[in-house]
C-alpha atoms as a PDB file:
ATOM      1  CA  UNK A   1     -19.823  21.939  37.659  1.00  0.00           C
ATOM      2  CA  UNK A   2     -22.818  22.747  35.351  1.00  0.00           C
ATOM      3  CA  UNK A   3     -22.159  24.387  31.984  1.00  0.00           C
ATOM      4  CA  UNK A   4     -23.945  27.499  33.356  1.00  0.00           C
ATOM      5  CA  UNK A   5     -21.529  27.745  36.166  1.00  0.00           C
ATOM      6  CA  UNK A   6     -18.452  27.196  34.063  1.00  0.00           C
ATOM      7  CA  UNK A   7     -19.692  29.926  31.727  1.00  0.00           C
ATOM      8  CA  UNK A   8     -20.337  32.180  34.585  1.00  0.00           C
ATOM      9  CA  UNK A   9     -16.854  31.477  36.206  1.00  0.00           C
ATOM     10  CA  UNK A  10     -15.100  32.347  32.905  1.00  0.00           C
ATOM     11  CA  UNK A  11     -17.235  35.552  32.444  1.00  0.00           C
ATOM     12  CA  UNK A  12     -15.850  36.556  35.805  1.00  0.00           C
ATOM     13  CA  UNK A  13     -12.411  36.237  34.183  1.00  0.00           C
ATOM     14  CA  UNK A  14     -11.650  33.255  36.403  1.00  0.00           C
ATOM     15  CA  UNK A  15      -9.651  30.299  34.904  1.00  0.00           C
ATOM     16  CA  UNK A  16     -11.016  26.722  34.970  1.00  0.00           C
ATOM     17  CA  UNK A  17      -9.168  24.277  36.676  1.00  0.00           C
ATOM     18  CA  UNK A  18      -8.176  21.198  34.513  1.00  0.00           C
ATOM     19  CA  UNK A  19     -10.771  18.825  35.824  1.00  0.00           C
ATOM     20  CA  UNK A  20     -13.308  21.658  35.536  1.00  0.00           C
ATOM     21  CA  UNK A  21     -12.435  22.182  31.723  1.00  0.00           C
ATOM     22  CA  UNK A  22     -12.499  18.436  31.296  1.00  0.00           C
ATOM     23  CA  UNK A  23     -16.229  18.402  32.570  1.00  0.00           C
ATOM     24  CA  UNK A  24     -17.006  21.494  30.434  1.00  0.00           C
ATOM     25  CA  UNK A  25     -15.418  20.048  27.337  1.00  0.00           C
ATOM     26  CA  UNK A  26     -17.347  16.764  27.559  1.00  0.00           C
ATOM     27  CA  UNK A  27     -20.598  18.729  28.027  1.00  0.00           C
ATOM     28  CA  UNK A  28     -19.668  20.563  24.866  1.00  0.00           C
ATOM     29  CA  UNK A  29     -19.646  17.300  22.877  1.00  0.00           C
ATOM     30  CA  UNK A  30     -23.056  16.228  24.258  1.00  0.00           C
ATOM     31  CA  UNK A  31     -25.857  16.452  21.653  1.00  0.00           C
ATOM     32  CA  UNK A  32     -28.243  17.880  24.384  1.00  0.00           C
ATOM     33  CA  UNK A  33     -26.071  20.797  25.290  1.00  0.00           C
ATOM     34  CA  UNK A  34     -27.671  23.960  23.857  1.00  0.00           C
ATOM     35  CA  UNK A  35     -25.583  25.461  21.031  1.00  0.00           C
ATOM     36  CA  UNK A  36     -26.110  28.846  22.747  1.00  0.00           C
ATOM     37  CA  UNK A  37     -24.373  27.603  25.897  1.00  0.00           C
ATOM     38  CA  UNK A  38     -21.311  26.355  23.748  1.00  0.00           C
ATOM     39  CA  UNK A  39     -21.074  29.735  22.024  1.00  0.00           C
ATOM     40  CA  UNK A  40     -21.260  31.680  25.307  1.00  0.00           C
ATOM     41  CA  UNK A  41     -18.384  29.542  26.720  1.00  0.00           C
ATOM     42  CA  UNK A  42     -16.142  29.888  23.724  1.00  0.00           C
ATOM     43  CA  UNK A  43     -16.552  33.611  23.543  1.00  0.00           C
ATOM     44  CA  UNK A  44     -16.037  33.947  27.265  1.00  0.00           C
ATOM     45  CA  UNK A  45     -12.783  31.863  27.223  1.00  0.00           C
ATOM     46  CA  UNK A  46     -11.460  33.912  24.224  1.00  0.00           C
ATOM     47  CA  UNK A  47     -12.312  37.184  26.059  1.00  0.00           C
ATOM     48  CA  UNK A  48     -10.689  35.926  29.207  1.00  0.00           C
ATOM     49  CA  UNK A  49      -7.694  34.367  27.661  1.00  0.00           C
ATOM     50  CA  UNK A  50      -7.155  30.609  27.566  1.00  0.00           C
ATOM     51  CA  UNK A  51      -4.773  28.767  29.889  1.00  0.00           C
ATOM     52  CA  UNK A  52      -2.444  25.761  29.264  1.00  0.00           C
ATOM     53  CA  UNK A  53      -4.667  23.633  31.481  1.00  0.00           C
ATOM     54  CA  UNK A  54      -7.913  24.635  29.689  1.00  0.00           C
ATOM     55  CA  UNK A  55      -6.409  23.911  26.242  1.00  0.00           C
ATOM     56  CA  UNK A  56      -4.864  20.603  27.468  1.00  0.00           C
ATOM     57  CA  UNK A  57      -8.118  19.486  28.820  1.00  0.00           C
ATOM     58  CA  UNK A  58     -10.210  20.248  25.832  1.00  0.00           C
ATOM     59  CA  UNK A  59      -7.505  18.555  23.513  1.00  0.00           C
ATOM     60  CA  UNK A  60      -7.678  15.530  25.736  1.00  0.00           C
ATOM     61  CA  UNK A  61     -11.428  15.258  25.536  1.00  0.00           C
ATOM     62  CA  UNK A  62     -11.529  16.009  21.748  1.00  0.00           C
ATOM     63  CA  UNK A  63      -8.899  13.386  21.067  1.00  0.00           C
ATOM     64  CA  UNK A  64     -10.838  10.683  23.048  1.00  0.00           C
ATOM     65  CA  UNK A  65     -13.911  11.289  20.881  1.00  0.00           C
ATOM     66  CA  UNK A  66     -11.861  10.982  17.587  1.00  0.00           C
ATOM     67  CA  UNK A  67     -12.118   8.009  15.320  1.00  0.00           C
ATOM     68  CA  UNK A  68      -9.121   5.624  15.741  1.00  0.00           C
ATOM     69  CA  UNK A  69      -6.459   5.714  12.945  1.00  0.00           C
ATOM     70  CA  UNK A  70      -4.306   2.626  13.757  1.00  0.00           C
ATOM     71  CA  UNK A  71      -0.982   3.419  12.225  1.00  0.00           C
ATOM     72  CA  UNK A  72       1.859   1.171  12.504  1.00  0.00           C
ATOM     73  CA  UNK A  73       4.367   1.893  15.256  1.00  0.00           C
ATOM     74  CA  UNK A  74       6.538   4.526  13.738  1.00  0.00           C
ATOM     75  CA  UNK A  75       7.585   8.145  14.223  1.00  0.00           C
ATOM     76  CA  UNK A  76       4.925  10.559  12.901  1.00  0.00           C
ATOM     77  CA  UNK A  77       4.678  14.253  12.750  1.00  0.00           C
ATOM     78  CA  UNK A  78       2.050  16.996  12.073  1.00  0.00           C
ATOM     79  CA  UNK A  79       2.679  20.505  10.836  1.00  0.00           C
ATOM     80  CA  UNK A  80      -0.713  21.811  11.198  1.00  0.00           C
ATOM     81  CA  UNK A  81      -1.106  25.319  12.567  1.00  0.00           C
ATOM     82  CA  UNK A  82      -3.884  26.908  14.702  1.00  0.00           C
ATOM     83  CA  UNK A  83      -5.115  29.322  11.853  1.00  0.00           C
ATOM     84  CA  UNK A  84      -6.870  32.368  13.049  1.00  0.00           C
ATOM     85  CA  UNK A  85      -3.834  34.786  12.424  1.00  0.00           C
ATOM     86  CA  UNK A  86      -5.848  36.958   9.976  1.00  0.00           C
ATOM     87  CA  UNK A  87      -2.738  37.086   7.633  1.00  0.00           C
ATOM     88  CA  UNK A  88      -4.626  35.412   4.679  1.00  0.00           C
ATOM     89  CA  UNK A  89      -1.398  33.728   3.721  1.00  0.00           C
ATOM     90  CA  UNK A  90      -1.640  30.811   1.144  1.00  0.00           C
ATOM     91  CA  UNK A  91      -1.554  27.299   2.423  1.00  0.00           C
ATOM     92  CA  UNK A  92       2.060  27.095   3.651  1.00  0.00           C
ATOM     93  CA  UNK A  93       1.708  24.208   6.077  1.00  0.00           C
ATOM     94  CA  UNK A  94      -0.228  22.112   3.546  1.00  0.00           C
ATOM     95  CA  UNK A  95       2.419  22.735   0.906  1.00  0.00           C
ATOM     96  CA  UNK A  96       5.360  22.133   3.477  1.00  0.00           C
ATOM     97  CA  UNK A  97       3.555  18.682   4.405  1.00  0.00           C
ATOM     98  CA  UNK A  98       4.187  17.404   0.738  1.00  0.00           C
ATOM     99  CA  UNK A  99       7.850  18.573   0.867  1.00  0.00           C
ATOM    100  CA  UNK A 100       8.385  17.088   4.298  1.00  0.00           C
ATOM    101  CA  UNK A 101       7.045  13.851   3.016  1.00  0.00           C
ATOM    102  CA  UNK A 102       9.152  13.960  -0.075  1.00  0.00           C
ATOM    103  CA  UNK A 103      12.183  14.512   2.226  1.00  0.00           C
ATOM    104  CA  UNK A 104      11.556  11.258   4.120  1.00  0.00           C
ATOM    105  CA  UNK A 105       9.354  12.548   7.131  1.00  0.00           C
ATOM    106  CA  UNK A 106       6.116  10.554   7.843  1.00  0.00           C
ATOM    107  CA  UNK A 107       3.293  13.150   8.021  1.00  0.00           C
ATOM    108  CA  UNK A 108      -0.227  12.748   9.078  1.00  0.00           C
ATOM    109  CA  UNK A 109      -1.538  16.062   8.278  1.00  0.00           C
ATOM    110  CA  UNK A 110      -4.485  17.401  10.157  1.00  0.00           C
ATOM    111  CA  UNK A 111      -6.753  19.835   8.440  1.00  0.00           C
ATOM    112  CA  UNK A 112     -10.312  21.495   7.742  1.00  0.00           C
ATOM    113  CA  UNK A 113     -12.176  23.694   5.531  1.00  0.00           C
ATOM    114  CA  UNK A 114     -12.062  27.481   5.866  1.00  0.00           C
ATOM    115  CA  UNK A 115     -13.345  28.635   9.165  1.00  0.00           C
ATOM    116  CA  UNK A 116     -11.456  31.897   9.611  1.00  0.00           C
ATOM    117  CA  UNK A 117      -9.516  32.074   6.365  1.00  0.00           C
ATOM    118  CA  UNK A 118     -10.233  32.361   2.704  1.00  0.00           C
ATOM    119  CA  UNK A 119      -8.985  28.822   1.887  1.00  0.00           C
ATOM    120  CA  UNK A 120      -8.469  26.008   4.607  1.00  0.00           C
ATOM    121  CA  UNK A 121      -6.300  23.138   4.050  1.00  0.00           C
ATOM    122  CA  UNK A 122      -9.101  20.737   2.736  1.00  0.00           C
ATOM    123  CA  UNK A 123     -10.331  23.491   0.352  1.00  0.00           C
ATOM    124  CA  UNK A 124      -6.942  23.684  -1.437  1.00  0.00           C
ATOM    125  CA  UNK A 125      -6.528  19.926  -1.455  1.00  0.00           C
ATOM    126  CA  UNK A 126      -9.909  19.591  -3.242  1.00  0.00           C
ATOM    127  CA  UNK A 127      -9.004  22.219  -5.755  1.00  0.00           C
ATOM    128  CA  UNK A 128      -5.794  20.212  -6.481  1.00  0.00           C
ATOM    129  CA  UNK A 129      -7.877  17.113  -7.120  1.00  0.00           C
ATOM    130  CA  UNK A 130      -7.335  15.381  -3.592  1.00  0.00           C
ATOM    131  CA  UNK A 131     -10.616  14.538  -2.060  1.00  0.00           C
ATOM    132  CA  UNK A 132     -11.547  14.459   1.667  1.00  0.00           C
ATOM    133  CA  UNK A 133     -13.538  11.318   1.867  1.00  0.00           C
ATOM    134  CA  UNK A 134     -10.932   8.635   2.206  1.00  0.00           C
ATOM    135  CA  UNK A 135     -11.918   5.666   4.409  1.00  0.00           C
ATOM    136  CA  UNK A 136      -9.604   5.013   7.379  1.00  0.00           C
ATOM    137  CA  UNK A 137      -8.006   2.015   5.496  1.00  0.00           C
ATOM    138  CA  UNK A 138      -7.297   4.390   2.390  1.00  0.00           C
ATOM    139  CA  UNK A 139      -5.786   6.821   4.655  1.00  0.00           C
ATOM    140  CA  UNK A 140      -3.437   4.329   6.103  1.00  0.00           C
ATOM    141  CA  UNK A 141      -2.628   3.035   2.576  1.00  0.00           C
ATOM    142  CA  UNK A 142      -1.755   6.485   1.344  1.00  0.00           C
ATOM    143  CA  UNK A 143       0.459   6.986   4.336  1.00  0.00           C
ATOM    144  CA  UNK A 144       2.295   3.710   3.703  1.00  0.00           C
ATOM    145  CA  UNK A 145       2.693   4.445  -0.011  1.00  0.00           C
ATOM    146  CA  UNK A 146       3.641   8.091   0.181  1.00  0.00           C
ATOM    147  CA  UNK A 147       4.673   8.927   3.648  1.00  0.00           C
ATOM    148  CA  UNK A 148       1.837  11.452   3.978  1.00  0.00           C
ATOM    149  CA  UNK A 149      -1.817  11.471   4.533  1.00  0.00           C
ATOM    150  CA  UNK A 150      -4.348  14.053   5.093  1.00  0.00           C
ATOM    151  CA  UNK A 151      -6.867  13.712   7.924  1.00  0.00           C
ATOM    152  CA  UNK A 152     -10.010  15.794   7.206  1.00  0.00           C
ATOM    153  CA  UNK A 153     -11.117  17.008  10.750  1.00  0.00           C
ATOM    154  CA  UNK A 154     -14.767  16.393  10.297  1.00  0.00           C
ATOM    155  CA  UNK A 155     -14.100  12.724   9.211  1.00  0.00           C
ATOM    156  CA  UNK A 156     -11.957  11.914  12.057  1.00  0.00           C
ATOM    157  CA  UNK A 157     -13.726  14.063  14.642  1.00  0.00           C
ATOM    158  CA  UNK A 158     -17.471  13.394  14.080  1.00  0.00           C
ATOM    159  CA  UNK A 159     -18.652  14.866  17.254  1.00  0.00           C
ATOM    160  CA  UNK A 160     -17.282  18.378  16.116  1.00  0.00           C
ATOM    161  CA  UNK A 161     -20.315  18.700  13.711  1.00  0.00           C
ATOM    162  CA  UNK A 162     -22.387  20.823  16.160  1.00  0.00           C
ATOM    163  CA  UNK A 163     -19.503  22.766  17.566  1.00  0.00           C
ATOM    164  CA  UNK A 164     -18.466  23.592  14.033  1.00  0.00           C
ATOM    165  CA  UNK A 165     -21.838  25.361  13.480  1.00  0.00           C
ATOM    166  CA  UNK A 166     -21.139  27.469  16.516  1.00  0.00           C
ATOM    167  CA  UNK A 167     -17.509  28.351  15.385  1.00  0.00           C
ATOM    168  CA  UNK A 168     -18.812  29.421  12.043  1.00  0.00           C
ATOM    169  CA  UNK A 169     -21.372  31.626  13.676  1.00  0.00           C
ATOM    170  CA  UNK A 170     -18.777  33.235  15.934  1.00  0.00           C
ATOM    171  CA  UNK A 171     -16.522  33.680  12.960  1.00  0.00           C
ATOM    172  CA  UNK A 172     -13.290  34.370  14.946  1.00  0.00           C
ATOM    173  CA  UNK A 173     -10.679  32.314  16.584  1.00  0.00           C
ATOM    174  CA  UNK A 174     -11.668  30.263  19.577  1.00  0.00           C
ATOM    175  CA  UNK A 175      -9.978  27.807  21.791  1.00  0.00           C
ATOM    176  CA  UNK A 176     -10.698  25.205  19.115  1.00  0.00           C
ATOM    177  CA  UNK A 177      -8.168  26.908  17.022  1.00  0.00           C
ATOM    178  CA  UNK A 178      -5.575  26.448  19.595  1.00  0.00           C
ATOM    179  CA  UNK A 179      -6.548  22.753  20.354  1.00  0.00           C
ATOM    180  CA  UNK A 180      -6.835  21.760  16.565  1.00  0.00           C
ATOM    181  CA  UNK A 181      -3.260  20.764  16.034  1.00  0.00           C
ATOM    182  CA  UNK A 182      -3.164  18.937  19.270  1.00  0.00           C
ATOM    183  CA  UNK A 183      -5.926  16.625  18.507  1.00  0.00           C
ATOM    184  CA  UNK A 184      -4.486  14.626  15.695  1.00  0.00           C
ATOM    185  CA  UNK A 185      -5.985  11.015  16.221  1.00  0.00           C
ATOM    186  CA  UNK A 186      -2.540   9.638  15.532  1.00  0.00           C
ATOM    187  CA  UNK A 187      -0.292   9.548  18.423  1.00  0.00           C
ATOM    188  CA  UNK A 188       2.445  12.009  17.444  1.00  0.00           C
ATOM    189  CA  UNK A 189       6.011  11.662  18.616  1.00  0.00           C
ATOM    190  CA  UNK A 190       7.004  14.922  17.022  1.00  0.00           C
ATOM    191  CA  UNK A 191       5.098  18.255  15.872  1.00  0.00           C
ATOM    192  CA  UNK A 192       5.778  21.590  14.342  1.00  0.00           C
ATOM    193  CA  UNK A 193       3.017  23.932  14.890  1.00  0.00           C
ATOM    194  CA  UNK A 194       2.307  27.654  14.627  1.00  0.00           C
ATOM    195  CA  UNK A 195       0.095  29.925  16.848  1.00  0.00           C
ATOM    196  CA  UNK A 196      -0.960  33.462  16.310  1.00  0.00           C
ATOM    197  CA  UNK A 197      -0.636  34.398  19.936  1.00  0.00           C
ATOM    198  CA  UNK A 198       2.875  35.173  20.994  1.00  0.00           C
ATOM    199  CA  UNK A 199       1.869  35.440  24.529  1.00  0.00           C
ATOM    200  CA  UNK A 200       0.783  31.918  24.680  1.00  0.00           C
ATOM    201  CA  UNK A 201       3.891  30.495  22.976  1.00  0.00           C
ATOM    202  CA  UNK A 202       5.483  28.953  26.166  1.00  0.00           C
ATOM    203  CA  UNK A 203       2.237  27.803  27.513  1.00  0.00           C
ATOM    204  CA  UNK A 204       1.452  25.956  24.176  1.00  0.00           C
ATOM    205  CA  UNK A 205       4.756  24.320  24.334  1.00  0.00           C
ATOM    206  CA  UNK A 206       4.033  23.202  27.760  1.00  0.00           C
ATOM    207  CA  UNK A 207       0.655  21.783  26.483  1.00  0.00           C
ATOM    208  CA  UNK A 208       2.571  19.776  23.850  1.00  0.00           C
ATOM    209  CA  UNK A 209       4.749  18.358  26.600  1.00  0.00           C
ATOM    210  CA  UNK A 210       1.750  17.556  28.774  1.00  0.00           C
ATOM    211  CA  UNK A 211       0.287  15.693  25.808  1.00  0.00           C
ATOM    212  CA  UNK A 212       3.306  13.614  25.356  1.00  0.00           C
ATOM    213  CA  UNK A 213       5.256  15.043  22.512  1.00  0.00           C
ATOM    214  CA  UNK A 214       8.917  13.889  22.757  1.00  0.00           C
ATOM    215  CA  UNK A 215      10.136  16.620  20.480  1.00  0.00           C
ATOM    216  CA  UNK A 216       8.313  19.545  18.968  1.00  0.00           C
ATOM    217  CA  UNK A 217       8.539  23.321  17.873  1.00  0.00           C
ATOM    218  CA  UNK A 218       5.825  25.921  18.218  1.00  0.00           C
ATOM    219  CA  UNK A 219       6.282  29.304  16.471  1.00  0.00           C
ATOM    220  CA  UNK A 220       4.651  32.617  16.429  1.00  0.00           C
ATOM    221  CA  UNK A 221       5.771  34.274  13.228  1.00  0.00           C
ATOM    222  CA  UNK A 222       6.683  37.817  12.612  1.00  0.00           C
ATOM    223  CA  UNK A 223       3.471  39.848  12.127  1.00  0.00           C
ATOM    224  CA  UNK A 224       1.543  37.430  14.306  1.00  0.00           C
ATOM    225  CA  UNK A 225       1.593  34.591  11.773  1.00  0.00           C
ATOM    226  CA  UNK A 226       0.760  30.898  12.745  1.00  0.00           C
ATOM    227  CA  UNK A 227       3.797  29.974  10.587  1.00  0.00           C
ATOM    228  CA  UNK A 228       7.340  31.026  10.442  1.00  0.00           C
ATOM    229  CA  UNK A 229       7.304  34.206   8.693  1.00  0.00           C
ATOM    230  CA  UNK A 230       9.641  36.112   6.121  1.00  0.00           C
ATOM    231  CA  UNK A 231       8.557  39.499   7.539  1.00  0.00           C
ATOM    232  CA  UNK A 232      11.177  39.582  10.409  1.00  0.00           C
ATOM    233  CA  UNK A 233      12.071  37.877  13.549  1.00  0.00           C
ATOM    234  CA  UNK A 234      10.189  34.611  14.646  1.00  0.00           C
ATOM    235  CA  UNK A 235       9.760  33.476  18.186  1.00  0.00           C
ATOM    236  CA  UNK A 236      10.019  29.843  19.014  1.00  0.00           C
ATOM    237  CA  UNK A 237       9.925  27.212  21.726  1.00  0.00           C
ATOM    238  CA  UNK A 238      11.484  23.947  21.257  1.00  0.00           C
ATOM    239  CA  UNK A 239      10.129  20.955  23.183  1.00  0.00           C
ATOM    240  CA  UNK A 240      12.935  18.446  23.688  1.00  0.00           C
ATOM    241  CA  UNK A 241      11.555  15.868  26.145  1.00  0.00           C
ATOM    242  CA  UNK A 242      11.142  17.780  29.452  1.00  0.00           C
ATOM    243  CA  UNK A 243      12.957  20.814  28.305  1.00  0.00           C
ATOM    244  CA  UNK A 244      11.390  23.830  26.919  1.00  0.00           C
ATOM    245  CA  UNK A 245      13.829  26.112  25.106  1.00  0.00           C
ATOM    246  CA  UNK A 246      12.925  29.401  23.534  1.00  0.00           C
ATOM    247  CA  UNK A 247      14.713  30.797  20.603  1.00  0.00           C
ATOM    248  CA  UNK A 248      14.321  33.311  17.803  1.00  0.00           C
ATOM    249  CA  UNK A 249      15.320  33.228  14.053  1.00  0.00           C
ATOM    250  CA  UNK A 250      15.088  35.541  11.155  1.00  0.00           C
ATOM    251  CA  UNK A 251      14.847  34.421   7.551  1.00  0.00           C
ATOM    252  CA  UNK A 252      18.397  35.642   6.709  1.00  0.00           C
ATOM    253  CA  UNK A 253      19.715  33.539   9.470  1.00  0.00           C
ATOM    254  CA  UNK A 254      19.167  30.425   7.348  1.00  0.00           C
ATOM    255  CA  UNK A 255      19.980  32.127   4.002  1.00  0.00           C
ATOM    256  CA  UNK A 256      16.492  33.458   3.030  1.00  0.00           C
ATOM    257  CA  UNK A 257      15.506  36.915   1.917  1.00  0.00           C
ATOM    258  CA  UNK A 258      13.046  38.841   4.157  1.00  0.00           C
ATOM    259  CA  UNK A 259       9.688  39.671   2.596  1.00  0.00           C
ATOM    260  CA  UNK A 260       6.538  41.447   3.794  1.00  0.00           C
ATOM    261  CA  UNK A 261       3.418  39.569   4.655  1.00  0.00           C
ATOM    262  CA  UNK A 262       1.734  40.817   1.368  1.00  0.00           C
ATOM    263  CA  UNK A 263       4.190  38.974  -0.637  1.00  0.00           C
ATOM    264  CA  UNK A 264       2.643  35.518   0.523  1.00  0.00           C
ATOM    265  CA  UNK A 265      -0.864  36.535   0.508  1.00  0.00           C
ATOM    266  CA  UNK A 266      -3.301  33.788  -0.774  1.00  0.00           C
ATOM    267  CA  UNK A 267      -6.628  33.823  -2.436  1.00  0.00           C
ATOM    268  CA  UNK A 268      -9.378  31.410  -2.909  1.00  0.00           C
ATOM    269  CA  UNK A 269      -8.831  27.609  -3.103  1.00  0.00           C
ATOM    270  CA  UNK A 270      -8.157  27.533  -7.011  1.00  0.00           C
ATOM    271  CA  UNK A 271      -5.745  30.440  -6.665  1.00  0.00           C
ATOM    272  CA  UNK A 272      -3.978  28.836  -3.908  1.00  0.00           C
ATOM    273  CA  UNK A 273      -3.757  25.602  -5.769  1.00  0.00           C
ATOM    274  CA  UNK A 274      -2.128  27.481  -8.721  1.00  0.00           C
ATOM    275  CA  UNK A 275       0.460  29.040  -6.416  1.00  0.00           C
ATOM    276  CA  UNK A 276       1.183  25.660  -4.654  1.00  0.00           C
ATOM    277  CA  UNK A 277       1.710  23.858  -8.029  1.00  0.00           C
ATOM    278  CA  UNK A 278       4.084  26.519  -9.418  1.00  0.00           C
ATOM    279  CA  UNK A 279       6.050  26.660  -6.356  1.00  0.00           C
ATOM    280  CA  UNK A 280       6.558  22.886  -6.329  1.00  0.00           C
ATOM    281  CA  UNK A 281       7.565  23.103  -9.883  1.00  0.00           C
ATOM    282  CA  UNK A 282      10.480  25.371  -8.701  1.00  0.00           C
ATOM    283  CA  UNK A 283       9.249  28.995  -9.201  1.00  0.00           C
ATOM    284  CA  UNK A 284      11.545  30.906  -6.871  1.00  0.00           C
ATOM    285  CA  UNK A 285       9.616  33.822  -4.970  1.00  0.00           C
ATOM    286  CA  UNK A 286       8.379  34.779  -1.460  1.00  0.00           C
ATOM    287  CA  UNK A 287       5.910  31.705  -1.613  1.00  0.00           C
ATOM    288  CA  UNK A 288       8.788  29.332  -2.263  1.00  0.00           C
ATOM    289  CA  UNK A 289      10.821  30.711   0.555  1.00  0.00           C
ATOM    290  CA  UNK A 290       8.152  30.654   2.983  1.00  0.00           C
ATOM    291  CA  UNK A 291       7.585  26.988   2.358  1.00  0.00           C
ATOM    292  CA  UNK A 292      11.435  26.293   2.446  1.00  0.00           C
ATOM    293  CA  UNK A 293      11.679  28.007   5.737  1.00  0.00           C
ATOM    294  CA  UNK A 294       8.785  26.095   7.321  1.00  0.00           C
ATOM    295  CA  UNK A 295       9.753  22.784   5.833  1.00  0.00           C
ATOM    296  CA  UNK A 296      13.360  23.306   7.169  1.00  0.00           C
ATOM    297  CA  UNK A 297      11.946  23.998  10.761  1.00  0.00           C
ATOM    298  CA  UNK A 298       9.742  20.919  10.304  1.00  0.00           C
ATOM    299  CA  UNK A 299      12.748  18.649   9.409  1.00  0.00           C
ATOM    300  CA  UNK A 300      14.658  19.985  12.329  1.00  0.00           C
ATOM    301  CA  UNK A 301      11.650  19.189  14.611  1.00  0.00           C
ATOM    302  CA  UNK A 302      11.575  15.606  13.123  1.00  0.00           C
ATOM    303  CA  UNK A 303      15.111  15.189  13.737  1.00  0.00           C
ATOM    304  CA  UNK A 304      16.078  14.677   9.987  1.00  0.00           C
ATOM    305  CA  UNK A 305      18.528  17.339  10.362  1.00  0.00           C
ATOM    306  CA  UNK A 306      20.738  18.806  13.133  1.00  0.00           C
ATOM    307  CA  UNK A 307      20.288  22.462  12.213  1.00  0.00           C
ATOM    308  CA  UNK A 308      17.485  24.530  10.793  1.00  0.00           C
ATOM    309  CA  UNK A 309      19.595  25.859   7.940  1.00  0.00           C
ATOM    310  CA  UNK A 310      20.316  22.185   6.958  1.00  0.00           C
ATOM    311  CA  UNK A 311      16.604  21.712   6.814  1.00  0.00           C
ATOM    312  CA  UNK A 312      16.028  24.565   4.655  1.00  0.00           C
ATOM    313  CA  UNK A 313      18.744  23.526   2.263  1.00  0.00           C
ATOM    314  CA  UNK A 314      17.199  20.058   2.135  1.00  0.00           C
ATOM    315  CA  UNK A 315      13.683  21.504   1.565  1.00  0.00           C
ATOM    316  CA  UNK A 316      15.047  23.623  -1.461  1.00  0.00           C
ATOM    317  CA  UNK A 317      16.819  20.538  -2.892  1.00  0.00           C
ATOM    318  CA  UNK A 318      13.584  18.471  -2.442  1.00  0.00           C
ATOM    319  CA  UNK A 319      11.613  20.970  -4.446  1.00  0.00           C
ATOM    320  CA  UNK A 320      14.266  21.740  -7.121  1.00  0.00           C
ATOM    321  CA  UNK A 321      14.891  18.149  -7.922  1.00  0.00           C
ATOM    322  CA  UNK A 322      11.197  17.698  -8.488  1.00  0.00           C
ATOM    323  CA  UNK A 323      10.654  15.214  -5.568  1.00  0.00           C
ATOM    324  CA  UNK A 324       7.936  17.527  -3.950  1.00  0.00           C
ATOM    325  CA  UNK A 325       6.043  17.880  -7.205  1.00  0.00           C
ATOM    326  CA  UNK A 326       6.219  14.161  -7.732  1.00  0.00           C
ATOM    327  CA  UNK A 327       4.826  13.571  -4.321  1.00  0.00           C
ATOM    328  CA  UNK A 328       1.845  15.915  -5.026  1.00  0.00           C
ATOM    329  CA  UNK A 329       1.118  14.140  -8.386  1.00  0.00           C
ATOM    330  CA  UNK A 330       1.273  10.680  -6.619  1.00  0.00           C
ATOM    331  CA  UNK A 331      -1.098  11.758  -3.936  1.00  0.00           C
ATOM    332  CA  UNK A 332      -3.450  13.184  -6.695  1.00  0.00           C
ATOM    333  CA  UNK A 333      -3.202  10.006  -8.688  1.00  0.00           C
ATOM    334  CA  UNK A 334      -4.133   7.886  -5.515  1.00  0.00           C
ATOM    335  CA  UNK A 335      -7.070  10.053  -4.835  1.00  0.00           C
ATOM    336  CA  UNK A 336      -8.467   9.913  -8.434  1.00  0.00           C
ATOM    337  CA  UNK A 337      -7.985   6.154  -8.473  1.00  0.00           C
ATOM    338  CA  UNK A 338      -9.906   5.478  -5.305  1.00  0.00           C
ATOM    339  CA  UNK A 339     -12.640   8.151  -6.255  1.00  0.00           C
ATOM    340  CA  UNK A 340     -13.118   6.341  -9.552  1.00  0.00           C
ATOM    341  CA  UNK A 341     -13.543   3.024  -7.414  1.00  0.00           C
ATOM    342  CA  UNK A 342     -16.277   4.468  -5.493  1.00  0.00           C
ATOM    343  CA  UNK A 343     -18.112   5.931  -8.554  1.00  0.00           C
ATOM    344  CA  UNK A 344     -17.905   2.634 -10.453  1.00  0.00           C
END
């Protein structure tokens, strides 16, 4: 099927079959495909509403073009969300990744610069002093030393450069927001991710299962967040091998206070970096509770705890004992040491 035929089919509100989407996805990554056609397809898919088959096909193609990150054979997780929720929250998943690692999970955190938010994961990391140009060898060494590494999407997905131009021009969430967390170049055994579309929650969990996750959780937070939210009831699906198990949870169910979305608003990368550091230093507020909630769910997804409430308590303890702040400082020190090596 030609790109033009795929675009017209989607514009007619017809879903692409898995094989058709595989073909269209491969064409999107070809340098000779006009950017205008990529833009048309992405907008048409968004207007129609993406399916699990379309998301799984694009994720499969995108990962096939990724640079290999040859990690040792252990259990790894990612807690990257889709973004695109319009809530302008601070960088919850980036902060949680550091707490998860300090609590003993092995985290290969996928991330990017801002596309549809004020400060993306890589923006706030750079504001903290963690650069984004690690070599693959350095990426692996950091993971071995600190249980966490940050995979900057343009470095591990070089074929995304042209598509990134299109996404910035569109300026709104597209199917690439949905597939982003699913295209980590590391083969993940477990995953905790958030999506801004509650209507797609079960489909997304099905995609995770199709892509081979043995255990994982997908959430749509109260208020449409792509994180677990303090603002009310959160909707989840647990992926447990072949089972997809829906459940819901409010912050008070795990000993945390409700708070409105405004209480966890973020700002520019420098402002978010200040919030992050104060939080890891033990400042108790809604930012702290949002990270404790999401880290607790991540620890449950990883299998570190048997209940989310136990995970939340472990997350709080990991922060208040200084382990999470120590983790941040160790990653910054590693980054600075390797940046100096390159300069010298």
